[in-house]
Amino acid sequence: MTIKLRDARTLSPEALFERRKQAILLFQQGASRIAIARVVGVHRTVVGEWVRAWLSGGEDALRTRPGGRPRGRGKSIPVPVIADFWTHAPDSLPPDHGIDTPLWSIRSVRDWILRRTGKSIPVRTTTNYLHAWGLRPPVGPRGLSDAFQDWLRQSYRRMKPPLGGGKRPVWWLDSIRITAPATAEPLHVLMAATSLGSARFFPLRNPADAPAISRFLDALHMEAASPVTIIIPHPCAATHPGWAAARLKDPASSHHIICPAY
């Protein structure tokens, strides 16, 4: 009668440890790896891995180590770092902190944290933090309001050909208000996003005025490195007179369109 052993992958850590010790005992008695594999129910290469582990680390090396991410590794950004970012970021742009990118983005926030902590943060983690802070990009052409959908189908389609035959980058702008994490400081944030979701932002301690908007738009043009089309929701333009008063270094590099709210 043949005794069928359980697959070693289904064993508990304690049972697997006993199976490995049995394999080592057979090895010490002179059994071949193939023979040991038949007895303990694993492939001969696995027996070889167990033997090498035992030779280098003794019996303790045969124990199963806990899997997954080491404890504490998931806490990528401690709260003090978040508070520190929102203490320094308002009214400033990445170049003010020695970061070589015109506007704040996922990448520049990661660079800032790396400079402050020496810790490299995954893109996904940084994105989740930005979203948790309320920094979600404008909805852009996927807007849900009926007025906005009508505007896209009618007015925007007629505007598109003169804007460079679709080659000119289009940025959808908005102005939002958030409460900075940990500091509870109310902030005004100028945001811009492409239709593909690439977002940039500029946090301010006070509502955006003409100089702040001008600085934001100039940085946006620098980011795009080409003439751009900027879509501004009507409520944003009406609430912030600075949009009309903003003066760009190169006015020809931007075409502004006022549209209904997203």
C-alpha atoms as a PDB file:
ATOM      1  CA  MET A   1       0.000   0.000   0.000  1.00  0.00           C
ATOM      2  CA  THR A   2       1.323   3.437  -0.969  1.00  0.00           C
ATOM      3  CA  ILE A   3       1.022   6.187   1.647  1.00  0.00           C
ATOM      4  CA  LYS A   4       0.263   9.543   0.013  1.00  0.00           C
ATOM      5  CA  LEU A   5       1.803  12.471   1.840  1.00  0.00           C
ATOM      6  CA  ARG A   6       0.141  15.871   1.952  1.00  0.00           C
ATOM      7  CA  ASP A   7       1.522  18.507  -0.374  1.00  0.00           C
ATOM      8  CA  ALA A   8       4.197  20.327   1.628  1.00  0.00           C
ATOM      9  CA  ARG A   9       2.731  23.687   0.518  1.00  0.00           C
ATOM     10  CA  THR A  10      -0.459  22.918   2.487  1.00  0.00           C
ATOM     11  CA  LEU A  11       1.327  22.122   5.747  1.00  0.00           C
ATOM     12  CA  SER A  12       1.459  24.344   8.793  1.00  0.00           C
ATOM     13  CA  PRO A  13       4.867  25.926   9.607  1.00  0.00           C
ATOM     14  CA  GLU A  14       5.347  23.398  12.453  1.00  0.00           C
ATOM     15  CA  ALA A  15       4.523  20.366  10.272  1.00  0.00           C
ATOM     16  CA  LEU A  16       6.715  21.659   7.450  1.00  0.00           C
ATOM     17  CA  PHE A  17       9.589  22.133   9.899  1.00  0.00           C
ATOM     18  CA  GLU A  18       9.241  18.470  10.970  1.00  0.00           C
ATOM     19  CA  ARG A  19       9.171  17.381   7.300  1.00  0.00           C
ATOM     20  CA  ARG A  20      12.380  19.290   6.652  1.00  0.00           C
ATOM     21  CA  LYS A  21      14.089  17.789   9.699  1.00  0.00           C
ATOM     22  CA  GLN A  22      13.107  14.341   8.439  1.00  0.00           C
ATOM     23  CA  ALA A  23      14.703  15.135   5.070  1.00  0.00           C
ATOM     24  CA  ILE A  24      17.934  16.262   6.749  1.00  0.00           C
ATOM     25  CA  LEU A  25      18.030  13.101   8.894  1.00  0.00           C
ATOM     26  CA  LEU A  26      17.761  10.963   5.755  1.00  0.00           C
ATOM     27  CA  PHE A  27      20.479  13.085   4.130  1.00  0.00           C
ATOM     28  CA  GLN A  28      22.766  12.471   7.132  1.00  0.00           C
ATOM     29  CA  GLN A  29      22.122   8.744   6.760  1.00  0.00           C
ATOM     30  CA  GLY A  30      23.387   8.872   3.188  1.00  0.00           C
ATOM     31  CA  ALA A  31      20.123   8.839   1.226  1.00  0.00           C
ATOM     32  CA  SER A  32      20.139  10.527  -2.185  1.00  0.00           C
ATOM     33  CA  ARG A  33      18.102  13.659  -2.882  1.00  0.00           C
ATOM     34  CA  ILE A  34      15.829  11.700  -5.215  1.00  0.00           C
ATOM     35  CA  ALA A  35      15.155   9.075  -2.516  1.00  0.00           C
ATOM     36  CA  ILE A  36      14.556  11.762   0.105  1.00  0.00           C
ATOM     37  CA  ALA A  37      12.154  13.558  -2.238  1.00  0.00           C
ATOM     38  CA  ARG A  38      10.083  10.382  -2.636  1.00  0.00           C
ATOM     39  CA  VAL A  39       9.875   9.894   1.130  1.00  0.00           C
ATOM     40  CA  VAL A  40       8.960  13.463   2.171  1.00  0.00           C
ATOM     41  CA  GLY A  41       6.797  14.232  -0.890  1.00  0.00           C
ATOM     42  CA  VAL A  42       8.610  17.176  -2.484  1.00  0.00           C
ATOM     43  CA  HIS A  43      10.676  17.733  -5.617  1.00  0.00           C
ATOM     44  CA  ARG A  44      14.365  16.857  -5.403  1.00  0.00           C
ATOM     45  CA  THR A  45      15.332  20.487  -6.021  1.00  0.00           C
ATOM     46  CA  VAL A  46      13.397  21.448  -2.888  1.00  0.00           C
ATOM     47  CA  VAL A  47      15.362  18.853  -0.937  1.00  0.00           C
ATOM     48  CA  GLY A  48      18.531  20.453  -2.295  1.00  0.00           C
ATOM     49  CA  GLU A  49      17.381  23.894  -1.048  1.00  0.00           C
ATOM     50  CA  TRP A  50      16.665  22.462   2.406  1.00  0.00           C
ATOM     51  CA  VAL A  51      20.073  20.782   2.556  1.00  0.00           C
ATOM     52  CA  ARG A  52      21.880  23.977   1.530  1.00  0.00           C
ATOM     53  CA  ALA A  53      19.939  25.974   4.123  1.00  0.00           C
ATOM     54  CA  TRP A  54      20.803  23.431   6.836  1.00  0.00           C
ATOM     55  CA  LEU A  55      24.488  23.355   5.871  1.00  0.00           C
ATOM     56  CA  SER A  56      24.739  27.162   6.055  1.00  0.00           C
ATOM     57  CA  GLY A  57      22.449  27.910   9.000  1.00  0.00           C
ATOM     58  CA  GLY A  58      21.759  24.723  10.906  1.00  0.00           C
ATOM     59  CA  GLU A  59      18.365  23.525  12.063  1.00  0.00           C
ATOM     60  CA  ASP A  60      17.091  27.066  12.670  1.00  0.00           C
ATOM     61  CA  ALA A  61      17.450  27.785   8.939  1.00  0.00           C
ATOM     62  CA  LEU A  62      14.788  25.129   8.268  1.00  0.00           C
ATOM     63  CA  ARG A  63      12.061  27.103  10.036  1.00  0.00           C
ATOM     64  CA  THR A  64       9.462  28.951   7.965  1.00  0.00           C
ATOM     65  CA  ARG A  65       9.933  32.704   7.979  1.00  0.00           C
ATOM     66  CA  PRO A  66       6.863  35.032   8.091  1.00  0.00           C
ATOM     67  CA  GLY A  67       5.882  36.150   4.609  1.00  0.00           C
ATOM     68  CA  GLY A  68       4.744  39.520   3.343  1.00  0.00           C
ATOM     69  CA  ARG A  69       6.022  43.019   3.960  1.00  0.00           C
ATOM     70  CA  PRO A  70       8.063  43.570   7.148  1.00  0.00           C
ATOM     71  CA  ARG A  71       6.106  45.198   9.974  1.00  0.00           C
ATOM     72  CA  GLY A  72       6.092  48.978   9.744  1.00  0.00           C
ATOM     73  CA  ARG A  73       7.063  49.113   6.090  1.00  0.00           C
ATOM     74  CA  GLY A  74       3.520  50.102   5.064  1.00  0.00           C
ATOM     75  CA  LYS A  75       3.677  53.328   7.085  1.00  0.00           C
ATOM     76  CA  SER A  76       5.460  55.178   4.310  1.00  0.00           C
ATOM     77  CA  ILE A  77       4.718  58.785   5.277  1.00  0.00           C
ATOM     78  CA  PRO A  78       4.530  59.592   8.992  1.00  0.00           C
ATOM     79  CA  VAL A  79       2.076  62.298  10.039  1.00  0.00           C
ATOM     80  CA  PRO A  80       4.805  64.832  10.976  1.00  0.00           C
ATOM     81  CA  VAL A  81       6.100  64.693   7.389  1.00  0.00           C
ATOM     82  CA  ILE A  82       2.615  65.431   6.053  1.00  0.00           C
ATOM     83  CA  ALA A  83       2.272  68.379   8.403  1.00  0.00           C
ATOM     84  CA  ASP A  84       5.749  69.552   7.440  1.00  0.00           C
ATOM     85  CA  PHE A  85       4.860  69.454   3.737  1.00  0.00           C
ATOM     86  CA  TRP A  86       1.780  71.611   4.248  1.00  0.00           C
ATOM     87  CA  THR A  87       3.777  74.025   6.374  1.00  0.00           C
ATOM     88  CA  HIS A  88       6.301  74.630   3.572  1.00  0.00           C
ATOM     89  CA  ALA A  89       4.314  74.033   0.353  1.00  0.00           C
ATOM     90  CA  PRO A  90       1.751  76.908   0.475  1.00  0.00           C
ATOM     91  CA  ASP A  91       2.677  79.988  -1.580  1.00  0.00           C
ATOM     92  CA  SER A  92       5.690  78.152  -3.009  1.00  0.00           C
ATOM     93  CA  LEU A  93       6.532  75.996  -6.002  1.00  0.00           C
ATOM     94  CA  PRO A  94       8.998  73.095  -6.297  1.00  0.00           C
ATOM     95  CA  PRO A  95      11.906  75.250  -7.603  1.00  0.00           C
ATOM     96  CA  ASP A  96      11.702  77.207  -4.327  1.00  0.00           C
ATOM     97  CA  HIS A  97      12.732  73.940  -2.623  1.00  0.00           C
ATOM     98  CA  GLY A  98      15.448  72.980  -5.095  1.00  0.00           C
ATOM     99  CA  ILE A  99      13.199  70.553  -7.024  1.00  0.00           C
ATOM    100  CA  ASP A 100      13.589  70.729 -10.789  1.00  0.00           C
ATOM    101  CA  THR A 101       9.935  70.809 -11.892  1.00  0.00           C
ATOM    102  CA  PRO A 102       7.712  73.886 -12.366  1.00  0.00           C
ATOM    103  CA  LEU A 103       4.581  72.811 -10.426  1.00  0.00           C
ATOM    104  CA  TRP A 104       3.595  70.479  -7.610  1.00  0.00           C
ATOM    105  CA  SER A 105       2.617  67.003  -8.790  1.00  0.00           C
ATOM    106  CA  ILE A 106       2.854  63.411  -7.603  1.00  0.00           C
ATOM    107  CA  ARG A 107       6.485  63.313  -8.704  1.00  0.00           C
ATOM    108  CA  SER A 108       7.503  66.602  -7.096  1.00  0.00           C
ATOM    109  CA  VAL A 109       5.771  65.716  -3.804  1.00  0.00           C
ATOM    110  CA  ARG A 110       7.703  62.416  -3.830  1.00  0.00           C
ATOM    111  CA  ASP A 111      10.926  64.353  -4.484  1.00  0.00           C
ATOM    112  CA  TRP A 112      10.158  66.719  -1.601  1.00  0.00           C
ATOM    113  CA  ILE A 113       9.552  63.829   0.812  1.00  0.00           C
ATOM    114  CA  LEU A 114      12.727  62.101  -0.390  1.00  0.00           C
ATOM    115  CA  ARG A 115      14.751  65.249   0.304  1.00  0.00           C
ATOM    116  CA  ARG A 116      13.242  65.667   3.782  1.00  0.00           C
ATOM    117  CA  THR A 117      13.261  62.042   4.932  1.00  0.00           C
ATOM    118  CA  GLY A 118      15.585  60.119   2.609  1.00  0.00           C
ATOM    119  CA  LYS A 119      12.660  57.752   1.972  1.00  0.00           C
ATOM    120  CA  SER A 120      11.457  56.917  -1.546  1.00  0.00           C
ATOM    121  CA  ILE A 121       7.655  56.728  -1.633  1.00  0.00           C
ATOM    122  CA  PRO A 122       5.801  54.583  -4.224  1.00  0.00           C
ATOM    123  CA  VAL A 123       3.748  56.486  -6.794  1.00  0.00           C
ATOM    124  CA  ARG A 124       0.566  54.732  -5.702  1.00  0.00           C
ATOM    125  CA  THR A 125       1.105  55.690  -2.058  1.00  0.00           C
ATOM    126  CA  THR A 126       1.738  59.320  -2.966  1.00  0.00           C
ATOM    127  CA  THR A 127      -1.379  59.374  -5.163  1.00  0.00           C
ATOM    128  CA  ASN A 128      -3.492  57.940  -2.346  1.00  0.00           C
ATOM    129  CA  TYR A 129      -2.236  60.614   0.054  1.00  0.00           C
ATOM    130  CA  LEU A 130      -2.952  63.405  -2.434  1.00  0.00           C
ATOM    131  CA  HIS A 131      -6.483  62.093  -2.934  1.00  0.00           C
ATOM    132  CA  ALA A 132      -6.969  61.738   0.827  1.00  0.00           C
ATOM    133  CA  TRP A 133      -5.943  65.377   1.198  1.00  0.00           C
ATOM    134  CA  GLY A 134      -8.711  66.327  -1.259  1.00  0.00           C
ATOM    135  CA  LEU A 135      -6.363  67.017  -4.170  1.00  0.00           C
ATOM    136  CA  ARG A 136      -8.307  65.358  -6.947  1.00  0.00           C
ATOM    137  CA  PRO A 137      -7.929  66.806 -10.451  1.00  0.00           C
ATOM    138  CA  PRO A 138     -10.809  68.553 -12.213  1.00  0.00           C
ATOM    139  CA  VAL A 139     -13.066  66.085 -13.989  1.00  0.00           C
ATOM    140  CA  GLY A 140     -12.219  67.627 -17.377  1.00  0.00           C
ATOM    141  CA  PRO A 141     -13.982  66.258 -20.460  1.00  0.00           C
ATOM    142  CA  ARG A 142     -15.599  63.500 -18.398  1.00  0.00           C
ATOM    143  CA  GLY A 143     -17.768  66.064 -16.595  1.00  0.00           C
ATOM    144  CA  LEU A 144     -21.265  64.969 -15.685  1.00  0.00           C
ATOM    145  CA  SER A 145     -23.314  68.174 -15.706  1.00  0.00           C
ATOM    146  CA  ASP A 146     -25.789  68.552 -18.587  1.00  0.00           C
ATOM    147  CA  ALA A 147     -24.677  72.128 -19.273  1.00  0.00           C
ATOM    148  CA  PHE A 148     -21.065  71.029 -19.537  1.00  0.00           C
ATOM    149  CA  GLN A 149     -21.894  68.089 -21.805  1.00  0.00           C
ATOM    150  CA  ASP A 150     -23.883  70.404 -24.104  1.00  0.00           C
ATOM    151  CA  TRP A 151     -20.976  72.853 -24.156  1.00  0.00           C
ATOM    152  CA  LEU A 152     -18.561  70.073 -25.140  1.00  0.00           C
ATOM    153  CA  ARG A 153     -20.797  68.836 -27.957  1.00  0.00           C
ATOM    154  CA  GLN A 154     -21.493  72.298 -29.371  1.00  0.00           C
ATOM    155  CA  SER A 155     -19.130  75.153 -28.478  1.00  0.00           C
ATOM    156  CA  TYR A 156     -15.944  73.204 -27.685  1.00  0.00           C
ATOM    157  CA  ARG A 157     -16.029  71.157 -30.897  1.00  0.00           C
ATOM    158  CA  ARG A 158     -16.190  74.355 -32.932  1.00  0.00           C
ATOM    159  CA  MET A 159     -13.265  75.834 -30.981  1.00  0.00           C
ATOM    160  CA  LYS A 160     -10.980  72.823 -31.279  1.00  0.00           C
ATOM    161  CA  PRO A 161      -9.732  73.122 -34.904  1.00  0.00           C
ATOM    162  CA  PRO A 162      -8.437  76.716 -34.494  1.00  0.00           C
ATOM    163  CA  LEU A 163      -6.552  75.656 -31.366  1.00  0.00           C
ATOM    164  CA  GLY A 164      -3.822  73.885 -33.297  1.00  0.00           C
ATOM    165  CA  GLY A 165      -5.625  70.972 -34.888  1.00  0.00           C
ATOM    166  CA  GLY A 166      -5.747  69.060 -31.604  1.00  0.00           C
ATOM    167  CA  LYS A 167      -1.959  69.200 -31.157  1.00  0.00           C
ATOM    168  CA  ARG A 168      -1.991  71.895 -28.499  1.00  0.00           C
ATOM    169  CA  PRO A 169      -2.141  70.485 -24.922  1.00  0.00           C
ATOM    170  CA  VAL A 170      -5.430  71.184 -23.155  1.00  0.00           C
ATOM    171  CA  TRP A 171      -5.444  71.795 -19.401  1.00  0.00           C
ATOM    172  CA  TRP A 172      -8.657  71.870 -17.365  1.00  0.00           C
ATOM    173  CA  LEU A 173      -8.358  74.303 -14.455  1.00  0.00           C
ATOM    174  CA  ASP A 174     -10.179  74.688 -11.178  1.00  0.00           C
ATOM    175  CA  SER A 175      -9.774  76.314  -7.790  1.00  0.00           C
ATOM    176  CA  ILE A 176     -10.573  74.238  -4.716  1.00  0.00           C
ATOM    177  CA  ARG A 177     -10.373  74.675  -0.973  1.00  0.00           C
ATOM    178  CA  ILE A 178      -8.998  72.028   1.374  1.00  0.00           C
ATOM    179  CA  THR A 179      -8.010  71.706   5.018  1.00  0.00           C
ATOM    180  CA  ALA A 180      -4.348  70.826   5.323  1.00  0.00           C
ATOM    181  CA  PRO A 181      -3.820  67.506   7.149  1.00  0.00           C
ATOM    182  CA  ALA A 182      -2.461  67.629  10.708  1.00  0.00           C
ATOM    183  CA  THR A 183      -2.247  71.442  10.674  1.00  0.00           C
ATOM    184  CA  ALA A 184      -6.001  72.062  10.103  1.00  0.00           C
ATOM    185  CA  GLU A 185      -5.004  75.098   8.044  1.00  0.00           C
ATOM    186  CA  PRO A 186      -7.493  76.091   5.315  1.00  0.00           C
ATOM    187  CA  LEU A 187      -5.766  76.303   1.941  1.00  0.00           C
ATOM    188  CA  HIS A 188      -6.793  77.507  -1.499  1.00  0.00           C
ATOM    189  CA  VAL A 189      -5.418  75.324  -4.283  1.00  0.00           C
ATOM    190  CA  LEU A 190      -5.129  76.120  -7.984  1.00  0.00           C
ATOM    191  CA  MET A 191      -5.294  72.875  -9.942  1.00  0.00           C
ATOM    192  CA  ALA A 192      -4.837  71.884 -13.571  1.00  0.00           C
ATOM    193  CA  ALA A 193      -5.240  68.502 -15.246  1.00  0.00           C
ATOM    194  CA  THR A 194      -5.045  67.096 -18.747  1.00  0.00           C
ATOM    195  CA  SER A 195      -7.829  64.935 -20.146  1.00  0.00           C
ATOM    196  CA  LEU A 196      -5.595  61.939 -19.320  1.00  0.00           C
ATOM    197  CA  GLY A 197      -5.561  62.862 -15.636  1.00  0.00           C
ATOM    198  CA  SER A 198      -2.048  64.295 -15.333  1.00  0.00           C
ATOM    199  CA  ALA A 199      -2.484  66.877 -12.556  1.00  0.00           C
ATOM    200  CA  ARG A 200      -0.534  69.888 -11.264  1.00  0.00           C
ATOM    201  CA  PHE A 201      -1.336  72.131  -8.304  1.00  0.00           C
ATOM    202  CA  PHE A 202      -0.306  75.288  -6.441  1.00  0.00           C
ATOM    203  CA  PRO A 203      -1.427  75.648  -2.765  1.00  0.00           C
ATOM    204  CA  LEU A 204      -2.044  79.123  -1.369  1.00  0.00           C
ATOM    205  CA  ARG A 205      -2.858  80.411   2.105  1.00  0.00           C
ATOM    206  CA  ASN A 206      -5.147  83.119   0.695  1.00  0.00           C
ATOM    207  CA  PRO A 207      -7.563  83.166  -2.268  1.00  0.00           C
ATOM    208  CA  ALA A 208      -5.738  83.387  -5.585  1.00  0.00           C
ATOM    209  CA  ASP A 209      -5.022  86.913  -6.785  1.00  0.00           C
ATOM    210  CA  ALA A 210      -3.713  88.048 -10.182  1.00  0.00           C
ATOM    211  CA  PRO A 211       0.020  87.623  -9.333  1.00  0.00           C
ATOM    212  CA  ALA A 212      -0.528  84.101  -7.965  1.00  0.00           C
ATOM    213  CA  ILE A 213      -2.612  83.083 -10.988  1.00  0.00           C
ATOM    214  CA  SER A 214      -0.018  84.575 -13.340  1.00  0.00           C
ATOM    215  CA  ARG A 215       2.740  82.608 -11.617  1.00  0.00           C
ATOM    216  CA  PHE A 216       0.659  79.425 -11.809  1.00  0.00           C
ATOM    217  CA  LEU A 217      -0.099  79.837 -15.517  1.00  0.00           C
ATOM    218  CA  ASP A 218       3.512  80.705 -16.386  1.00  0.00           C
ATOM    219  CA  ALA A 219       4.663  77.555 -14.549  1.00  0.00           C
ATOM    220  CA  LEU A 220       2.013  75.532 -16.398  1.00  0.00           C
ATOM    221  CA  HIS A 221       3.322  76.786 -19.753  1.00  0.00           C
ATOM    222  CA  MET A 222       6.848  75.935 -18.667  1.00  0.00           C
ATOM    223  CA  GLU A 223       5.650  72.439 -17.698  1.00  0.00           C
ATOM    224  CA  ALA A 224       4.025  71.883 -21.098  1.00  0.00           C
ATOM    225  CA  ALA A 225       6.980  73.405 -22.990  1.00  0.00           C
ATOM    226  CA  SER A 226       4.541  74.440 -25.741  1.00  0.00           C
ATOM    227  CA  PRO A 227       1.536  76.705 -26.287  1.00  0.00           C
ATOM    228  CA  VAL A 228      -1.455  75.462 -24.321  1.00  0.00           C
ATOM    229  CA  THR A 229      -5.220  75.773 -24.225  1.00  0.00           C
ATOM    230  CA  ILE A 230      -6.664  76.400 -20.765  1.00  0.00           C
ATOM    231  CA  ILE A 231     -10.298  75.577 -19.958  1.00  0.00           C
ATOM    232  CA  ILE A 232     -11.575  77.582 -16.971  1.00  0.00           C
ATOM    233  CA  PRO A 233     -14.999  76.826 -15.415  1.00  0.00           C
ATOM    234  CA  HIS A 234     -17.210  79.916 -15.350  1.00  0.00           C
ATOM    235  CA  PRO A 235     -17.824  79.880 -11.559  1.00  0.00           C
ATOM    236  CA  CYS A 236     -14.075  79.824 -10.981  1.00  0.00           C
ATOM    237  CA  ALA A 237     -13.491  82.770 -13.300  1.00  0.00           C
ATOM    238  CA  ALA A 238     -16.407  84.702 -11.805  1.00  0.00           C
ATOM    239  CA  THR A 239     -15.332  84.070  -8.206  1.00  0.00           C
ATOM    240  CA  HIS A 240     -11.684  84.918  -8.818  1.00  0.00           C
ATOM    241  CA  PRO A 241     -11.322  88.208 -10.731  1.00  0.00           C
ATOM    242  CA  GLY A 242      -7.596  87.497 -10.840  1.00  0.00           C
ATOM    243  CA  TRP A 243      -8.148  85.291 -13.890  1.00  0.00           C
ATOM    244  CA  ALA A 244      -9.012  88.332 -15.990  1.00  0.00           C
ATOM    245  CA  ALA A 245      -6.235  90.439 -14.478  1.00  0.00           C
ATOM    246  CA  ALA A 246      -3.521  87.795 -14.785  1.00  0.00           C
ATOM    247  CA  ARG A 247      -0.613  88.777 -17.014  1.00  0.00           C
ATOM    248  CA  LEU A 248       1.579  86.134 -18.609  1.00  0.00           C
ATOM    249  CA  LYS A 249       5.195  86.484 -19.642  1.00  0.00           C
ATOM    250  CA  ASP A 250       4.209  85.198 -23.085  1.00  0.00           C
ATOM    251  CA  PRO A 251       0.492  85.910 -23.722  1.00  0.00           C
ATOM    252  CA  ALA A 252       0.663  84.186 -27.123  1.00  0.00           C
ATOM    253  CA  SER A 253       1.512  80.892 -25.435  1.00  0.00           C
ATOM    254  CA  SER A 254      -1.959  80.468 -23.939  1.00  0.00           C
ATOM    255  CA  HIS A 255      -5.536  80.406 -25.166  1.00  0.00           C
ATOM    256  CA  HIS A 256      -8.143  80.715 -22.399  1.00  0.00           C
ATOM    257  CA  ILE A 257     -11.706  79.416 -22.738  1.00  0.00           C
ATOM    258  CA  ILE A 258     -14.426  80.041 -20.151  1.00  0.00           C
ATOM    259  CA  CYS A 259     -16.860  77.111 -19.955  1.00  0.00           C
ATOM    260  CA  PRO A 260     -19.797  76.033 -17.739  1.00  0.00           C
ATOM    261  CA  ALA A 261     -19.013  74.308 -14.462  1.00  0.00           C
ATOM    262  CA  TYR A 262     -17.793  70.737 -14.656  1.00  0.00           C
END
